[in-house]
Amino acid sequence: MKILFYGTASYDKDSFTKELKDYPDVKIDFTETNLTPMTAPLARGYDAVCAFVNADCGAMTLEILSGFGVKLVLMRCAGFDAVNVEVAKDLGMKVTRVPAYSPEAIAEHAMGLALCANRRIHKGYIRVRENNFDLTGLVGVTLHGKTAGIIGTGRIGAALCRICKGFGMYVIGADLYPNQKLIDEEHVVDEYVDIKDGKVDYDSLYARADLISLHAFLNEESYHMINDDSISKMKDGVIFVNTARGALVDSNALIRGIRAGKIGAAGLDVYEEENANVYQDREDEILGSSITARFCSFPNVVMTSHQAFFTKEALGEIARVTLDNAQAFAHGTDFVPRSVVC
């Protein structure tokens, strides 16, 4: 099994090389180039390609890969928004992902963003570095006793529920498929909002939550679920966090909400405009009128670049699951559970 690994960073090479010793039938060649229609021909002679969330695995890329005999696309991430799944099916290509590599890491990062944005830790750090010890403009709110609204209570959302409960918060969950164990056994969710006619009553959560964190899947129904209307229903000064998918949020609506004071603090690890920026060094560029620059102009917004997963434990799990799937494809054995996209 020969794999071309696109978009290689030093930590990717380190984590995969470390695990490769247990997969003698798998050979990986690494390239820093990301996967696009223009770079797909580099995969000539390979059995599979490995790509990340910021790759372009659209119809043209897949058709080119298929033309060169590539039969397997290994996404080393949980999301597969970048893949045109229907085209992959038509071409007879297998697409796999890493369904859950470190839910706790992402949940911890979400709370870190919430704390940093709420207490203006990033601003305080910069001030102290400049010998400015003034506290003006750095006031936040105490989370203990407040209400957390967790949208999506899968493995990541559940991990954040546990963290919020540890902070002494009242936790409201919103999920089309509520996890009753989080209420009855773990006691980390105090209640779920109602489901009416197959739809989650998010309005109830918006109206009550002091902290809202997104952990929902991105699909046609959830696209821009956070918009002008939903923001208008939130409490004034709400702390908002998104470590899920950028397109869950209408960025311009969020900017309006921040300017109006409805959003008291925001922590963003993902956002709609991120694909051009993710894992790129653009220090010498002027971003102009970009949404990124506008978010960064607000003192109550903290942004990271798709970093929530980024722990040693998560990188190791990503490597193992990806290589397990490559080996399974080569040997005709079962893939890792829940990892097959098509």
C-alpha atoms as a PDB file:
ATOM      1  CA  MET A   1       0.000   0.000   0.000  1.00  0.00           C
ATOM      2  CA  LYS A   2       1.598   3.249  -1.213  1.00  0.00           C
ATOM      3  CA  ILE A   3       0.134   6.487   0.149  1.00  0.00           C
ATOM      4  CA  LEU A   4       0.868  10.064  -0.840  1.00  0.00           C
ATOM      5  CA  PHE A   5       0.420  12.264   2.191  1.00  0.00           C
ATOM      6  CA  TYR A   6      -0.705  15.776   1.185  1.00  0.00           C
ATOM      7  CA  GLY A   7      -0.360  18.966   3.221  1.00  0.00           C
ATOM      8  CA  THR A   8       2.388  17.619   5.459  1.00  0.00           C
ATOM      9  CA  ALA A   9       3.427  19.607   8.508  1.00  0.00           C
ATOM     10  CA  SER A  10       6.323  18.603  10.738  1.00  0.00           C
ATOM     11  CA  TYR A  11       3.983  17.238  13.421  1.00  0.00           C
ATOM     12  CA  ASP A  12       2.132  15.120  10.821  1.00  0.00           C
ATOM     13  CA  LYS A  13       5.353  13.511   9.664  1.00  0.00           C
ATOM     14  CA  ASP A  14       6.499  12.915  13.235  1.00  0.00           C
ATOM     15  CA  SER A  15       3.255  11.299  14.420  1.00  0.00           C
ATOM     16  CA  PHE A  16       2.759   9.084  11.355  1.00  0.00           C
ATOM     17  CA  THR A  17       6.415   8.041  11.136  1.00  0.00           C
ATOM     18  CA  LYS A  18       6.308   7.034  14.788  1.00  0.00           C
ATOM     19  CA  GLU A  19       3.367   4.685  14.148  1.00  0.00           C
ATOM     20  CA  LEU A  20       4.563   3.314  10.781  1.00  0.00           C
ATOM     21  CA  LYS A  21       6.822   0.752  12.436  1.00  0.00           C
ATOM     22  CA  ASP A  22       3.677  -1.254  13.263  1.00  0.00           C
ATOM     23  CA  TYR A  23       2.476  -1.210   9.626  1.00  0.00           C
ATOM     24  CA  PRO A  24       5.200  -2.882   7.536  1.00  0.00           C
ATOM     25  CA  ASP A  25       2.928  -3.166   4.475  1.00  0.00           C
ATOM     26  CA  VAL A  26       2.274   0.581   4.321  1.00  0.00           C
ATOM     27  CA  LYS A  27       4.632   3.087   2.688  1.00  0.00           C
ATOM     28  CA  ILE A  28       4.070   6.838   2.904  1.00  0.00           C
ATOM     29  CA  ASP A  29       5.638   9.626   0.888  1.00  0.00           C
ATOM     30  CA  PHE A  30       5.106  13.077   2.359  1.00  0.00           C
ATOM     31  CA  THR A  31       4.580  16.341   0.482  1.00  0.00           C
ATOM     32  CA  GLU A  32       3.909  19.796   1.890  1.00  0.00           C
ATOM     33  CA  THR A  33       1.677  20.538  -1.105  1.00  0.00           C
ATOM     34  CA  ASN A  34      -2.024  20.464  -0.349  1.00  0.00           C
ATOM     35  CA  LEU A  35      -4.456  18.356  -2.363  1.00  0.00           C
ATOM     36  CA  THR A  36      -6.177  20.280  -5.169  1.00  0.00           C
ATOM     37  CA  PRO A  37      -7.041  19.523  -8.803  1.00  0.00           C
ATOM     38  CA  MET A  38      -3.663  21.004  -9.766  1.00  0.00           C
ATOM     39  CA  THR A  39      -1.689  18.767  -7.393  1.00  0.00           C
ATOM     40  CA  ALA A  40      -3.747  15.580  -7.765  1.00  0.00           C
ATOM     41  CA  PRO A  41      -1.483  14.280 -10.602  1.00  0.00           C
ATOM     42  CA  LEU A  42       1.325  13.936  -8.059  1.00  0.00           C
ATOM     43  CA  ALA A  43      -0.527  10.810  -6.874  1.00  0.00           C
ATOM     44  CA  ARG A  44       0.229   8.900 -10.073  1.00  0.00           C
ATOM     45  CA  GLY A  45       1.461   5.451  -9.059  1.00  0.00           C
ATOM     46  CA  TYR A  46      -0.013   5.576  -5.535  1.00  0.00           C
ATOM     47  CA  ASP A  47      -2.803   3.407  -4.154  1.00  0.00           C
ATOM     48  CA  ALA A  48      -4.172   6.062  -1.817  1.00  0.00           C
ATOM     49  CA  VAL A  49      -3.921   9.682  -0.779  1.00  0.00           C
ATOM     50  CA  CYS A  50      -4.143  11.139   2.710  1.00  0.00           C
ATOM     51  CA  ALA A  51      -5.653  14.609   3.107  1.00  0.00           C
ATOM     52  CA  PHE A  52      -6.845  16.989   5.795  1.00  0.00           C
ATOM     53  CA  VAL A  53      -9.889  19.164   6.350  1.00  0.00           C
ATOM     54  CA  ASN A  54      -8.502  22.046   4.252  1.00  0.00           C
ATOM     55  CA  ALA A  55      -7.926  19.933   1.119  1.00  0.00           C
ATOM     56  CA  ASP A  56      -9.958  20.272  -2.072  1.00  0.00           C
ATOM     57  CA  CYS A  57     -11.468  16.838  -2.643  1.00  0.00           C
ATOM     58  CA  GLY A  58     -14.130  18.061  -5.036  1.00  0.00           C
ATOM     59  CA  ALA A  59     -15.326  16.347  -8.193  1.00  0.00           C
ATOM     60  CA  MET A  60     -12.389  17.405 -10.382  1.00  0.00           C
ATOM     61  CA  THR A  61      -9.775  16.284  -7.845  1.00  0.00           C
ATOM     62  CA  LEU A  62     -11.445  12.905  -7.363  1.00  0.00           C
ATOM     63  CA  GLU A  63     -11.797  12.319 -11.094  1.00  0.00           C
ATOM     64  CA  ILE A  64      -8.102  13.045 -11.616  1.00  0.00           C
ATOM     65  CA  LEU A  65      -7.103  10.765  -8.734  1.00  0.00           C
ATOM     66  CA  SER A  66      -9.325   7.996 -10.029  1.00  0.00           C
ATOM     67  CA  GLY A  67      -7.827   8.378 -13.499  1.00  0.00           C
ATOM     68  CA  PHE A  68      -4.400   7.676 -12.007  1.00  0.00           C
ATOM     69  CA  GLY A  69      -5.665   4.561 -10.240  1.00  0.00           C
ATOM     70  CA  VAL A  70      -6.110   5.953  -6.731  1.00  0.00           C
ATOM     71  CA  LYS A  71      -8.855   3.951  -5.031  1.00  0.00           C
ATOM     72  CA  LEU A  72      -8.714   5.231  -1.449  1.00  0.00           C
ATOM     73  CA  VAL A  73      -8.947   8.700   0.109  1.00  0.00           C
ATOM     74  CA  LEU A  74      -7.872   8.752   3.749  1.00  0.00           C
ATOM     75  CA  MET A  75      -9.146  11.872   5.509  1.00  0.00           C
ATOM     76  CA  ARG A  76      -7.087  12.357   8.654  1.00  0.00           C
ATOM     77  CA  CYS A  77      -9.884  14.303  10.347  1.00  0.00           C
ATOM     78  CA  ALA A  78     -13.435  13.699  11.546  1.00  0.00           C
ATOM     79  CA  GLY A  79     -15.139  15.993   9.036  1.00  0.00           C
ATOM     80  CA  PHE A  80     -15.430  15.169   5.369  1.00  0.00           C
ATOM     81  CA  ASP A  81     -17.052  18.383   4.080  1.00  0.00           C
ATOM     82  CA  ALA A  82     -14.150  18.770   1.632  1.00  0.00           C
ATOM     83  CA  VAL A  83     -15.036  15.507  -0.141  1.00  0.00           C
ATOM     84  CA  ASN A  84     -17.652  15.213  -2.875  1.00  0.00           C
ATOM     85  CA  VAL A  85     -18.970  11.928  -1.544  1.00  0.00           C
ATOM     86  CA  GLU A  86     -21.426  11.286  -4.373  1.00  0.00           C
ATOM     87  CA  VAL A  87     -18.705  11.605  -6.992  1.00  0.00           C
ATOM     88  CA  ALA A  88     -16.440   9.320  -4.959  1.00  0.00           C
ATOM     89  CA  LYS A  89     -19.205   6.717  -4.881  1.00  0.00           C
ATOM     90  CA  ASP A  90     -19.737   6.983  -8.632  1.00  0.00           C
ATOM     91  CA  LEU A  91     -16.002   6.515  -9.193  1.00  0.00           C
ATOM     92  CA  GLY A  92     -15.897   3.480  -6.931  1.00  0.00           C
ATOM     93  CA  MET A  93     -13.501   5.157  -4.501  1.00  0.00           C
ATOM     94  CA  LYS A  94     -13.401   4.444  -0.794  1.00  0.00           C
ATOM     95  CA  VAL A  95     -13.310   7.434   1.554  1.00  0.00           C
ATOM     96  CA  THR A  96     -12.490   7.062   5.233  1.00  0.00           C
ATOM     97  CA  ARG A  97     -12.110   9.463   8.136  1.00  0.00           C
ATOM     98  CA  VAL A  98     -11.085   9.474  11.789  1.00  0.00           C
ATOM     99  CA  PRO A  99     -14.442   9.548  13.581  1.00  0.00           C
ATOM    100  CA  ALA A 100     -13.276  10.577  17.054  1.00  0.00           C
ATOM    101  CA  TYR A 101      -9.665  11.171  17.943  1.00  0.00           C
ATOM    102  CA  SER A 102      -9.783  13.276  21.077  1.00  0.00           C
ATOM    103  CA  PRO A 103     -13.141  14.639  22.171  1.00  0.00           C
ATOM    104  CA  GLU A 104     -11.666  15.802  25.465  1.00  0.00           C
ATOM    105  CA  ALA A 105      -8.962  17.831  23.695  1.00  0.00           C
ATOM    106  CA  ILE A 106     -11.564  19.731  21.677  1.00  0.00           C
ATOM    107  CA  ALA A 107     -13.825  20.262  24.680  1.00  0.00           C
ATOM    108  CA  GLU A 108     -10.904  21.557  26.748  1.00  0.00           C
ATOM    109  CA  HIS A 109      -9.968  23.978  23.966  1.00  0.00           C
ATOM    110  CA  ALA A 110     -13.575  25.185  23.756  1.00  0.00           C
ATOM    111  CA  MET A 111     -13.569  26.020  27.456  1.00  0.00           C
ATOM    112  CA  GLY A 112     -10.151  27.626  27.082  1.00  0.00           C
ATOM    113  CA  LEU A 113     -11.494  29.912  24.371  1.00  0.00           C
ATOM    114  CA  ALA A 114     -14.514  30.775  26.496  1.00  0.00           C
ATOM    115  CA  LEU A 115     -12.346  31.660  29.502  1.00  0.00           C
ATOM    116  CA  CYS A 116      -9.841  33.643  27.457  1.00  0.00           C
ATOM    117  CA  ALA A 117     -12.473  35.681  25.604  1.00  0.00           C
ATOM    118  CA  ASN A 118     -14.624  36.232  28.686  1.00  0.00           C
ATOM    119  CA  ARG A 119     -11.802  37.340  30.992  1.00  0.00           C
ATOM    120  CA  ARG A 120      -9.817  39.072  28.208  1.00  0.00           C
ATOM    121  CA  ILE A 121      -6.763  36.999  29.124  1.00  0.00           C
ATOM    122  CA  HIS A 122      -5.223  37.626  25.702  1.00  0.00           C
ATOM    123  CA  LYS A 123      -5.500  41.386  26.200  1.00  0.00           C
ATOM    124  CA  GLY A 124      -4.144  41.230  29.749  1.00  0.00           C
ATOM    125  CA  TYR A 125      -1.137  39.210  28.592  1.00  0.00           C
ATOM    126  CA  ILE A 126      -0.280  41.765  25.898  1.00  0.00           C
ATOM    127  CA  ARG A 127      -0.633  44.645  28.355  1.00  0.00           C
ATOM    128  CA  VAL A 128       1.683  43.082  30.935  1.00  0.00           C
ATOM    129  CA  ARG A 129       4.297  42.450  28.242  1.00  0.00           C
ATOM    130  CA  GLU A 130       4.209  46.200  27.570  1.00  0.00           C
ATOM    131  CA  ASN A 131       4.448  47.039  31.302  1.00  0.00           C
ATOM    132  CA  ASN A 132       0.807  48.158  31.325  1.00  0.00           C
ATOM    133  CA  PHE A 133      -0.889  46.834  34.448  1.00  0.00           C
ATOM    134  CA  ASP A 134      -4.194  48.668  34.074  1.00  0.00           C
ATOM    135  CA  LEU A 135      -7.358  46.503  34.316  1.00  0.00           C
ATOM    136  CA  THR A 136      -9.693  48.846  32.459  1.00  0.00           C
ATOM    137  CA  GLY A 137     -11.722  46.969  29.843  1.00  0.00           C
ATOM    138  CA  LEU A 138     -10.752  43.510  31.104  1.00  0.00           C
ATOM    139  CA  VAL A 139     -13.776  42.757  33.291  1.00  0.00           C
ATOM    140  CA  GLY A 140     -15.528  39.432  32.663  1.00  0.00           C
ATOM    141  CA  VAL A 141     -18.242  37.375  34.340  1.00  0.00           C
ATOM    142  CA  THR A 142     -18.013  34.477  36.788  1.00  0.00           C
ATOM    143  CA  LEU A 143     -19.062  31.197  35.162  1.00  0.00           C
ATOM    144  CA  HIS A 144     -19.975  29.483  38.430  1.00  0.00           C
ATOM    145  CA  GLY A 145     -23.750  29.525  38.788  1.00  0.00           C
ATOM    146  CA  LYS A 146     -24.327  30.500  35.170  1.00  0.00           C
ATOM    147  CA  THR A 147     -26.104  28.446  32.491  1.00  0.00           C
ATOM    148  CA  ALA A 148     -24.225  26.634  29.717  1.00  0.00           C
ATOM    149  CA  GLY A 149     -26.026  25.725  26.514  1.00  0.00           C
ATOM    150  CA  ILE A 150     -24.308  22.878  24.655  1.00  0.00           C
ATOM    151  CA  ILE A 151     -25.579  22.390  21.100  1.00  0.00           C
ATOM    152  CA  GLY A 152     -24.761  18.821  20.128  1.00  0.00           C
ATOM    153  CA  THR A 153     -24.021  16.344  22.917  1.00  0.00           C
ATOM    154  CA  GLY A 154     -22.044  13.680  21.100  1.00  0.00           C
ATOM    155  CA  ARG A 155     -18.630  12.725  22.438  1.00  0.00           C
ATOM    156  CA  ILE A 156     -17.197  16.259  22.243  1.00  0.00           C
ATOM    157  CA  GLY A 157     -20.302  18.004  23.519  1.00  0.00           C
ATOM    158  CA  ALA A 158     -20.602  15.478  26.353  1.00  0.00           C
ATOM    159  CA  ALA A 159     -16.977  16.134  27.335  1.00  0.00           C
ATOM    160  CA  LEU A 160     -17.724  19.867  27.527  1.00  0.00           C
ATOM    161  CA  CYS A 161     -20.842  19.177  29.604  1.00  0.00           C
ATOM    162  CA  ARG A 162     -18.598  17.472  32.160  1.00  0.00           C
ATOM    163  CA  ILE A 163     -16.230  20.443  32.186  1.00  0.00           C
ATOM    164  CA  CYS A 164     -19.065  22.969  32.580  1.00  0.00           C
ATOM    165  CA  LYS A 165     -20.574  20.967  35.419  1.00  0.00           C
ATOM    166  CA  GLY A 166     -17.156  20.996  37.092  1.00  0.00           C
ATOM    167  CA  PHE A 167     -17.265  24.794  36.912  1.00  0.00           C
ATOM    168  CA  GLY A 168     -20.535  24.717  38.834  1.00  0.00           C
ATOM    169  CA  MET A 169     -22.715  25.632  35.855  1.00  0.00           C
ATOM    170  CA  TYR A 170     -26.282  24.611  35.081  1.00  0.00           C
ATOM    171  CA  VAL A 171     -26.061  22.666  31.807  1.00  0.00           C
ATOM    172  CA  ILE A 172     -28.715  22.615  29.096  1.00  0.00           C
ATOM    173  CA  GLY A 173     -28.276  20.223  26.181  1.00  0.00           C
ATOM    174  CA  ALA A 174     -29.724  20.504  22.688  1.00  0.00           C
ATOM    175  CA  ASP A 175     -29.628  17.434  20.475  1.00  0.00           C
ATOM    176  CA  LEU A 176     -32.025  15.671  18.123  1.00  0.00           C
ATOM    177  CA  TYR A 177     -30.985  12.459  19.888  1.00  0.00           C
ATOM    178  CA  PRO A 178     -30.590  13.349  23.589  1.00  0.00           C
ATOM    179  CA  ASN A 179     -28.160  11.254  25.615  1.00  0.00           C
ATOM    180  CA  GLN A 180     -30.235  10.431  28.668  1.00  0.00           C
ATOM    181  CA  LYS A 181     -27.224   8.865  30.387  1.00  0.00           C
ATOM    182  CA  LEU A 182     -25.705  12.329  30.738  1.00  0.00           C
ATOM    183  CA  ILE A 183     -28.711  13.231  32.902  1.00  0.00           C
ATOM    184  CA  ASP A 184     -29.514   9.997  34.737  1.00  0.00           C
ATOM    185  CA  GLU A 185     -26.070   8.456  35.272  1.00  0.00           C
ATOM    186  CA  GLU A 186     -23.401  11.121  34.909  1.00  0.00           C
ATOM    187  CA  HIS A 187     -25.527  14.050  36.130  1.00  0.00           C
ATOM    188  CA  VAL A 188     -23.625  16.480  33.893  1.00  0.00           C
ATOM    189  CA  VAL A 189     -26.660  17.646  31.890  1.00  0.00           C
ATOM    190  CA  ASP A 190     -29.483  19.168  33.918  1.00  0.00           C
ATOM    191  CA  GLU A 191     -32.012  19.152  31.095  1.00  0.00           C
ATOM    192  CA  TYR A 192     -32.477  18.892  27.338  1.00  0.00           C
ATOM    193  CA  VAL A 193     -34.547  21.379  25.385  1.00  0.00           C
ATOM    194  CA  ASP A 194     -37.718  20.006  23.805  1.00  0.00           C
ATOM    195  CA  ILE A 195     -37.956  18.414  20.373  1.00  0.00           C
ATOM    196  CA  LYS A 196     -41.083  19.465  18.472  1.00  0.00           C
ATOM    197  CA  ASP A 197     -42.110  17.912  15.161  1.00  0.00           C
ATOM    198  CA  GLY A 198     -38.624  16.465  14.721  1.00  0.00           C
ATOM    199  CA  LYS A 199     -36.923  19.817  15.343  1.00  0.00           C
ATOM    200  CA  VAL A 200     -34.874  20.909  18.327  1.00  0.00           C
ATOM    201  CA  ASP A 201     -36.187  23.913  20.241  1.00  0.00           C
ATOM    202  CA  TYR A 202     -32.977  25.921  20.115  1.00  0.00           C
ATOM    203  CA  ASP A 203     -34.846  29.133  20.967  1.00  0.00           C
ATOM    204  CA  SER A 204     -35.275  27.957  24.550  1.00  0.00           C
ATOM    205  CA  LEU A 205     -31.520  27.440  24.877  1.00  0.00           C
ATOM    206  CA  TYR A 206     -30.722  30.789  23.250  1.00  0.00           C
ATOM    207  CA  ALA A 207     -32.959  32.620  25.699  1.00  0.00           C
ATOM    208  CA  ARG A 208     -31.459  31.033  28.828  1.00  0.00           C
ATOM    209  CA  ALA A 209     -27.779  30.277  28.202  1.00  0.00           C
ATOM    210  CA  ASP A 210     -24.958  32.541  29.384  1.00  0.00           C
ATOM    211  CA  LEU A 211     -22.444  30.397  27.496  1.00  0.00           C
ATOM    212  CA  ILE A 212     -23.276  28.753  24.160  1.00  0.00           C
ATOM    213  CA  SER A 213     -20.916  26.245  22.552  1.00  0.00           C
ATOM    214  CA  LEU A 214     -21.475  24.588  19.174  1.00  0.00           C
ATOM    215  CA  HIS A 215     -20.778  20.879  18.649  1.00  0.00           C
ATOM    216  CA  ALA A 216     -23.301  20.107  15.922  1.00  0.00           C
ATOM    217  CA  PHE A 217     -22.806  18.422  12.573  1.00  0.00           C
ATOM    218  CA  LEU A 218     -22.816  20.612   9.479  1.00  0.00           C
ATOM    219  CA  ASN A 219     -25.581  19.774   7.010  1.00  0.00           C
ATOM    220  CA  GLU A 220     -28.253  21.590   5.018  1.00  0.00           C
ATOM    221  CA  GLU A 221     -30.401  22.108   8.095  1.00  0.00           C
ATOM    222  CA  SER A 222     -27.620  23.330  10.387  1.00  0.00           C
ATOM    223  CA  TYR A 223     -25.949  25.633   7.820  1.00  0.00           C
ATOM    224  CA  HIS A 224     -25.969  29.171   9.302  1.00  0.00           C
ATOM    225  CA  MET A 225     -28.028  28.008  12.266  1.00  0.00           C
ATOM    226  CA  ILE A 226     -26.426  30.936  14.074  1.00  0.00           C
ATOM    227  CA  ASN A 227     -27.730  33.974  12.214  1.00  0.00           C
ATOM    228  CA  ASP A 228     -29.286  37.375  12.878  1.00  0.00           C
ATOM    229  CA  ASP A 229     -32.533  35.806  14.064  1.00  0.00           C
ATOM    230  CA  SER A 230     -30.958  33.274  16.437  1.00  0.00           C
ATOM    231  CA  ILE A 231     -28.508  35.850  17.825  1.00  0.00           C
ATOM    232  CA  SER A 232     -31.382  38.241  18.534  1.00  0.00           C
ATOM    233  CA  LYS A 233     -32.924  35.567  20.789  1.00  0.00           C
ATOM    234  CA  MET A 234     -29.771  35.154  22.902  1.00  0.00           C
ATOM    235  CA  LYS A 235     -29.154  36.821  26.240  1.00  0.00           C
ATOM    236  CA  ASP A 236     -27.319  40.124  26.150  1.00  0.00           C
ATOM    237  CA  GLY A 237     -23.601  39.587  26.707  1.00  0.00           C
ATOM    238  CA  VAL A 238     -23.651  35.864  25.937  1.00  0.00           C
ATOM    239  CA  ILE A 239     -20.321  34.039  25.622  1.00  0.00           C
ATOM    240  CA  PHE A 240     -20.254  32.241  22.269  1.00  0.00           C
ATOM    241  CA  VAL A 241     -17.840  29.474  21.232  1.00  0.00           C
ATOM    242  CA  ASN A 242     -17.477  27.531  17.991  1.00  0.00           C
ATOM    243  CA  THR A 243     -15.037  24.639  17.676  1.00  0.00           C
ATOM    244  CA  ALA A 244     -17.288  22.606  15.343  1.00  0.00           C
ATOM    245  CA  ARG A 245     -17.702  23.880  11.773  1.00  0.00           C
ATOM    246  CA  GLY A 246     -17.351  27.425  10.502  1.00  0.00           C
ATOM    247  CA  ALA A 247     -20.428  27.345   8.279  1.00  0.00           C
ATOM    248  CA  LEU A 248     -22.711  26.718  11.256  1.00  0.00           C
ATOM    249  CA  VAL A 249     -22.368  30.467  11.814  1.00  0.00           C
ATOM    250  CA  ASP A 250     -23.193  33.377   9.529  1.00  0.00           C
ATOM    251  CA  SER A 251     -19.985  35.337  10.117  1.00  0.00           C
ATOM    252  CA  ASN A 252     -21.450  38.700   9.196  1.00  0.00           C
ATOM    253  CA  ALA A 253     -24.380  38.136  11.553  1.00  0.00           C
ATOM    254  CA  LEU A 254     -21.939  37.271  14.339  1.00  0.00           C
ATOM    255  CA  ILE A 255     -19.983  40.457  13.640  1.00  0.00           C
ATOM    256  CA  ARG A 256     -23.219  42.447  13.871  1.00  0.00           C
ATOM    257  CA  GLY A 257     -24.029  40.707  17.138  1.00  0.00           C
ATOM    258  CA  ILE A 258     -20.614  41.583  18.580  1.00  0.00           C
ATOM    259  CA  ARG A 259     -20.904  45.208  17.510  1.00  0.00           C
ATOM    260  CA  ALA A 260     -24.391  45.469  19.003  1.00  0.00           C
ATOM    261  CA  GLY A 261     -23.177  44.086  22.333  1.00  0.00           C
ATOM    262  CA  LYS A 262     -25.415  41.020  22.116  1.00  0.00           C
ATOM    263  CA  ILE A 263     -22.306  38.794  21.988  1.00  0.00           C
ATOM    264  CA  GLY A 264     -20.270  39.671  25.062  1.00  0.00           C
ATOM    265  CA  ALA A 265     -17.335  37.437  24.152  1.00  0.00           C
ATOM    266  CA  ALA A 266     -16.561  34.996  21.350  1.00  0.00           C
ATOM    267  CA  GLY A 267     -14.050  32.188  20.985  1.00  0.00           C
ATOM    268  CA  LEU A 268     -13.629  30.859  17.458  1.00  0.00           C
ATOM    269  CA  ASP A 269     -11.476  27.946  16.357  1.00  0.00           C
ATOM    270  CA  VAL A 270     -13.395  27.637  13.082  1.00  0.00           C
ATOM    271  CA  TYR A 271     -15.062  30.196  10.840  1.00  0.00           C
ATOM    272  CA  GLU A 272     -16.325  30.398   7.273  1.00  0.00           C
ATOM    273  CA  GLU A 273     -13.289  32.102   5.764  1.00  0.00           C
ATOM    274  CA  GLU A 274     -10.728  29.769   7.323  1.00  0.00           C
ATOM    275  CA  ASN A 275      -9.818  27.530   4.379  1.00  0.00           C
ATOM    276  CA  ALA A 276      -7.403  30.048   2.883  1.00  0.00           C
ATOM    277  CA  ASN A 277      -5.753  30.528   6.267  1.00  0.00           C
ATOM    278  CA  VAL A 278      -5.697  27.160   8.012  1.00  0.00           C
ATOM    279  CA  TYR A 279      -2.114  26.181   8.859  1.00  0.00           C
ATOM    280  CA  GLN A 280      -0.692  28.875   6.559  1.00  0.00           C
ATOM    281  CA  ASP A 281       1.814  31.572   7.519  1.00  0.00           C
ATOM    282  CA  ARG A 282       0.379  34.809   6.112  1.00  0.00           C
ATOM    283  CA  GLU A 283       2.235  37.271   8.348  1.00  0.00           C
ATOM    284  CA  ASP A 284       3.542  39.290   5.426  1.00  0.00           C
ATOM    285  CA  GLU A 285       0.134  39.685   3.783  1.00  0.00           C
ATOM    286  CA  ILE A 286      -2.499  42.370   4.234  1.00  0.00           C
ATOM    287  CA  LEU A 287      -5.830  40.601   4.683  1.00  0.00           C
ATOM    288  CA  GLY A 288      -7.758  43.722   3.704  1.00  0.00           C
ATOM    289  CA  SER A 289     -11.517  43.485   4.211  1.00  0.00           C
ATOM    290  CA  SER A 290     -11.449  39.843   5.236  1.00  0.00           C
ATOM    291  CA  ILE A 291     -13.762  38.488   7.900  1.00  0.00           C
ATOM    292  CA  THR A 292     -10.702  37.230   9.755  1.00  0.00           C
ATOM    293  CA  ALA A 293      -9.301  40.747  10.106  1.00  0.00           C
ATOM    294  CA  ARG A 294     -12.672  42.056  11.270  1.00  0.00           C
ATOM    295  CA  PHE A 295     -12.974  39.411  13.989  1.00  0.00           C
ATOM    296  CA  CYS A 296      -9.417  40.092  15.130  1.00  0.00           C
ATOM    297  CA  SER A 297     -10.214  43.778  15.538  1.00  0.00           C
ATOM    298  CA  PHE A 298     -12.554  43.089  18.463  1.00  0.00           C
ATOM    299  CA  PRO A 299     -11.049  43.015  21.976  1.00  0.00           C
ATOM    300  CA  ASN A 300     -13.621  40.436  23.132  1.00  0.00           C
ATOM    301  CA  VAL A 301     -12.886  37.879  20.395  1.00  0.00           C
ATOM    302  CA  VAL A 302     -10.247  35.141  20.577  1.00  0.00           C
ATOM    303  CA  MET A 303      -9.398  33.186  17.446  1.00  0.00           C
ATOM    304  CA  THR A 304      -7.286  30.091  16.845  1.00  0.00           C
ATOM    305  CA  SER A 305      -6.651  28.302  13.564  1.00  0.00           C
ATOM    306  CA  HIS A 306      -8.462  24.954  13.726  1.00  0.00           C
ATOM    307  CA  GLN A 307      -6.320  24.084  16.720  1.00  0.00           C
ATOM    308  CA  ALA A 308      -8.812  22.475  19.103  1.00  0.00           C
ATOM    309  CA  PHE A 309      -7.786  18.897  18.293  1.00  0.00           C
ATOM    310  CA  PHE A 310      -4.074  19.612  18.505  1.00  0.00           C
ATOM    311  CA  THR A 311      -2.637  17.438  21.282  1.00  0.00           C
ATOM    312  CA  LYS A 312      -0.027  14.678  21.229  1.00  0.00           C
ATOM    313  CA  GLU A 313      -2.699  12.142  22.114  1.00  0.00           C
ATOM    314  CA  ALA A 314      -4.961  13.243  19.266  1.00  0.00           C
ATOM    315  CA  LEU A 315      -2.166  13.176  16.690  1.00  0.00           C
ATOM    316  CA  GLY A 316      -1.267   9.635  17.719  1.00  0.00           C
ATOM    317  CA  GLU A 317      -4.868   8.464  17.434  1.00  0.00           C
ATOM    318  CA  ILE A 318      -5.255  10.115  14.022  1.00  0.00           C
ATOM    319  CA  ALA A 319      -2.175   8.305  12.764  1.00  0.00           C
ATOM    320  CA  ARG A 320      -3.242   4.921  14.121  1.00  0.00           C
ATOM    321  CA  VAL A 321      -6.806   5.050  12.799  1.00  0.00           C
ATOM    322  CA  THR A 322      -5.679   6.297   9.378  1.00  0.00           C
ATOM    323  CA  LEU A 323      -3.051   3.584   9.080  1.00  0.00           C
ATOM    324  CA  ASP A 324      -5.487   0.925  10.340  1.00  0.00           C
ATOM    325  CA  ASN A 325      -7.858   1.901   7.532  1.00  0.00           C
ATOM    326  CA  ALA A 326      -5.085   1.840   4.940  1.00  0.00           C
ATOM    327  CA  GLN A 327      -4.052  -1.624   6.070  1.00  0.00           C
ATOM    328  CA  ALA A 328      -7.661  -2.843   6.118  1.00  0.00           C
ATOM    329  CA  PHE A 329      -8.137  -1.652   2.539  1.00  0.00           C
ATOM    330  CA  ALA A 330      -4.958  -3.390   1.422  1.00  0.00           C
ATOM    331  CA  HIS A 331      -5.873  -6.681   3.121  1.00  0.00           C
ATOM    332  CA  GLY A 332      -9.599  -6.611   2.434  1.00  0.00           C
ATOM    333  CA  THR A 333     -10.448  -6.642   6.148  1.00  0.00           C
ATOM    334  CA  ASP A 334     -12.841  -4.516   8.218  1.00  0.00           C
ATOM    335  CA  PHE A 335     -12.297  -0.787   8.501  1.00  0.00           C
ATOM    336  CA  VAL A 336     -12.249   1.054  11.824  1.00  0.00           C
ATOM    337  CA  PRO A 337     -15.875   1.344  13.060  1.00  0.00           C
ATOM    338  CA  ARG A 338     -17.725   4.523  11.975  1.00  0.00           C
ATOM    339  CA  SER A 339     -14.795   5.607   9.822  1.00  0.00           C
ATOM    340  CA  VAL A 340     -16.117   4.716   6.354  1.00  0.00           C
ATOM    341  CA  VAL A 341     -17.682   7.651   4.516  1.00  0.00           C
ATOM    342  CA  CYS A 342     -18.390   5.712   1.320  1.00  0.00           C
END
